[in-house]
Amino acid sequence: MNEYEEKIKEFIRKDGIQAEHISFKQSCHSVEEAANAANASPEDFVKNICMIDSDRNLIVAIVNGEDRASTSRVATALDIERPRTANPDEILEKTGYPCGGTPSFGYNAKFLIDPKVMDMGFVYSGGGSQNSLVKISTKELQKANNGIILRVRK
């Protein structure tokens, strides 16, 4: 287990979040890889799309694993200039987690959850590394990140 996995596990424990952390030998970087590792369907996963606004604040759009996030929808919803997608170095700097393993909670950001995500009972999200996942109910996910539910998918 690496330091990033340990960090999200500690956050889950300290905050009393009802979630399961799962580590794998194989990569979970893409939704397809994660679905294979977890023996689950791609529809059971969320992607955390990290964006940077004009003030360099982090916005995380959480969408179904098969959807894409829209920077223009995010801009309209938040009444801001269109944010840009964060690069891997910015993701690590802003979240404390590497790209491809970024969890849906556990760091300072404005979290936006697409309503399609909330229609699901539970989801798999990044578990801190490219070889781990967190399984969590969508209600618990929103509680853990204080997410705002609004359409952010394309």
Protein backbone atom coordinates (compact mmCIF):
# COMPACT_ATOMS: atom_id res chain seq x y z
CA MET A 1 0.00 0.00 0.00
CA ASN A 2 1.41 3.40 -0.89
CA GLU A 3 1.31 6.75 0.92
CA TYR A 4 -1.64 8.05 -1.12
CA GLU A 5 -3.75 5.00 -0.36
CA GLU A 6 -2.85 5.35 3.32
CA LYS A 7 -3.83 9.04 3.25
CA ILE A 8 -7.35 8.42 1.88
CA LYS A 9 -7.86 5.45 4.23
CA GLU A 10 -6.92 7.67 7.17
CA PHE A 11 -9.33 10.38 5.97
CA ILE A 12 -12.14 7.80 5.69
CA ARG A 13 -11.38 6.51 9.20
CA LYS A 14 -11.01 9.91 10.88
CA ASP A 15 -14.14 11.39 9.30
CA GLY A 16 -16.23 8.27 9.92
CA ILE A 17 -17.07 7.90 6.24
CA GLN A 18 -18.90 4.70 5.36
CA ALA A 19 -16.75 3.49 2.46
CA GLU A 20 -14.64 0.52 1.45
CA HIS A 21 -11.06 1.01 0.23
CA ILE A 22 -9.91 -1.73 -2.18
CA SER A 23 -6.36 -2.26 -3.49
CA PHE A 24 -5.52 -4.25 -6.62
CA LYS A 25 -2.40 -5.61 -8.26
CA GLN A 26 -3.51 -4.29 -11.66
CA SER A 27 -4.07 -0.70 -12.78
CA CYS A 28 -7.37 1.09 -12.21
CA HIS A 29 -6.32 4.24 -14.09
CA SER A 30 -9.08 4.07 -16.72
CA VAL A 31 -12.72 3.18 -16.14
CA GLU A 32 -12.25 0.06 -18.28
CA GLU A 33 -9.22 -1.07 -16.25
CA ALA A 34 -11.02 -0.33 -12.98
CA ALA A 35 -14.14 -2.24 -14.07
CA ASN A 36 -11.99 -5.26 -14.95
CA ALA A 37 -10.09 -5.08 -11.64
CA ALA A 38 -13.26 -4.76 -9.53
CA ASN A 39 -15.24 -7.25 -11.64
CA ALA A 40 -17.89 -4.56 -12.05
CA SER A 41 -19.62 -2.67 -14.85
CA PRO A 42 -18.25 0.64 -16.22
CA GLU A 43 -21.61 2.18 -15.20
CA ASP A 44 -20.64 1.61 -11.53
CA PHE A 45 -17.77 4.10 -11.71
CA VAL A 46 -17.36 7.85 -11.46
CA LYS A 47 -14.66 10.05 -12.91
CA ASN A 48 -13.33 13.07 -11.04
CA ILE A 49 -12.53 15.73 -13.61
CA CYS A 50 -10.26 18.31 -11.99
CA MET A 51 -10.54 21.86 -13.31
CA ILE A 52 -8.84 25.13 -12.44
CA ASP A 53 -10.73 28.44 -12.42
CA SER A 54 -9.26 31.86 -13.22
CA ASP A 55 -8.32 32.31 -9.54
CA ARG A 56 -6.46 28.96 -9.56
CA ASN A 57 -9.11 27.32 -7.36
CA LEU A 58 -9.83 23.62 -7.80
CA ILE A 59 -13.22 22.47 -9.07
CA VAL A 60 -13.95 18.75 -9.29
CA ALA A 61 -16.75 17.65 -11.62
CA ILE A 62 -17.90 14.14 -10.69
CA VAL A 63 -19.55 12.35 -13.59
CA ASN A 64 -20.61 8.81 -14.42
CA GLY A 65 -17.68 6.74 -15.71
CA GLU A 66 -19.01 6.77 -19.24
CA ASP A 67 -19.78 10.51 -19.36
CA ARG A 68 -17.58 13.52 -20.01
CA ALA A 69 -17.59 16.77 -18.02
CA SER A 70 -18.38 20.07 -19.69
CA THR A 71 -16.26 23.09 -18.72
CA SER A 72 -18.90 25.38 -20.25
CA ARG A 73 -21.67 23.85 -18.08
CA VAL A 74 -19.45 24.27 -15.02
CA ALA A 75 -18.80 27.92 -15.94
CA THR A 76 -22.50 28.62 -16.43
CA ALA A 77 -23.53 26.81 -13.23
CA LEU A 78 -20.98 28.67 -11.10
CA ASP A 79 -21.24 31.97 -13.00
CA ILE A 80 -17.51 32.06 -13.63
CA GLU A 81 -15.18 32.18 -16.61
CA ARG A 82 -14.78 28.80 -18.25
CA PRO A 83 -12.34 26.72 -16.19
CA ARG A 84 -9.62 24.64 -17.79
CA THR A 85 -8.79 21.02 -17.16
CA ALA A 86 -5.98 20.63 -14.64
CA ASN A 87 -2.75 18.95 -15.72
CA PRO A 88 -1.29 15.99 -13.75
CA ASP A 89 1.14 18.21 -11.79
CA GLU A 90 -1.69 20.56 -10.76
CA ILE A 91 -3.87 17.61 -9.77
CA LEU A 92 -1.17 16.28 -7.46
CA GLU A 93 -0.47 19.76 -6.06
CA LYS A 94 -4.13 20.68 -5.47
CA THR A 95 -5.54 17.33 -4.32
CA GLY A 96 -2.51 15.63 -2.82
CA TYR A 97 -3.24 12.60 -5.04
CA PRO A 98 -1.87 11.51 -8.42
CA CYS A 99 -3.90 11.73 -11.61
CA GLY A 100 -5.65 8.42 -12.19
CA GLY A 101 -6.15 7.72 -8.50
CA THR A 102 -7.79 10.93 -7.34
CA PRO A 103 -10.64 10.27 -4.88
CA SER A 104 -13.99 12.09 -4.97
CA PHE A 105 -13.36 13.62 -1.51
CA GLY A 106 -10.63 14.20 1.05
CA TYR A 107 -9.13 17.52 -0.07
CA ASN A 108 -10.12 21.16 -0.51
CA ALA A 109 -12.13 21.77 -3.70
CA LYS A 110 -15.56 22.77 -4.94
CA PHE A 111 -17.21 19.45 -5.76
CA LEU A 112 -19.95 19.32 -8.39
CA ILE A 113 -21.85 16.04 -8.68
CA ASP A 114 -23.81 15.29 -11.84
CA PRO A 115 -27.41 14.17 -11.07
CA LYS A 116 -26.87 10.91 -13.00
CA VAL A 117 -24.31 9.98 -10.35
CA MET A 118 -26.86 10.49 -7.58
CA ASP A 119 -29.28 8.14 -9.38
CA MET A 120 -26.90 5.29 -8.56
CA GLY A 121 -26.94 3.45 -5.23
CA PHE A 122 -23.17 3.22 -4.91
CA VAL A 123 -20.13 4.05 -7.01
CA TYR A 124 -16.47 3.25 -7.30
CA SER A 125 -14.11 6.23 -7.23
CA GLY A 126 -10.34 6.71 -7.18
CA GLY A 127 -8.71 5.20 -4.11
CA GLY A 128 -5.61 7.37 -3.93
CA SER A 129 -3.44 5.48 -6.41
CA GLN A 130 -3.77 3.98 -9.86
CA ASN A 131 -4.17 0.56 -8.22
CA SER A 132 -6.96 1.28 -5.74
CA LEU A 133 -10.62 2.26 -5.55
CA VAL A 134 -13.12 3.46 -2.98
CA LYS A 135 -16.61 1.93 -3.03
CA ILE A 136 -19.13 4.35 -1.50
CA SER A 137 -22.85 5.08 -1.57
CA THR A 138 -23.73 8.21 -3.50
CA LYS A 139 -25.42 9.73 -0.43
CA GLU A 140 -22.26 9.15 1.62
CA LEU A 141 -20.16 10.56 -1.23
CA GLN A 142 -22.12 13.81 -1.24
CA LYS A 143 -21.87 13.99 2.56
CA ALA A 144 -18.10 13.40 2.41
CA ASN A 145 -17.40 16.18 -0.11
CA ASN A 146 -20.33 18.60 0.47
CA GLY A 147 -20.95 18.33 -3.26
CA ILE A 148 -23.40 20.49 -5.16
CA ILE A 149 -25.68 18.46 -7.41
CA LEU A 150 -25.96 19.97 -10.87
CA ARG A 151 -25.61 18.86 -14.43
CA VAL A 152 -21.97 19.01 -15.46
CA ARG A 153 -21.89 16.22 -18.06
CA LYS A 154 -21.73 16.97 -21.78
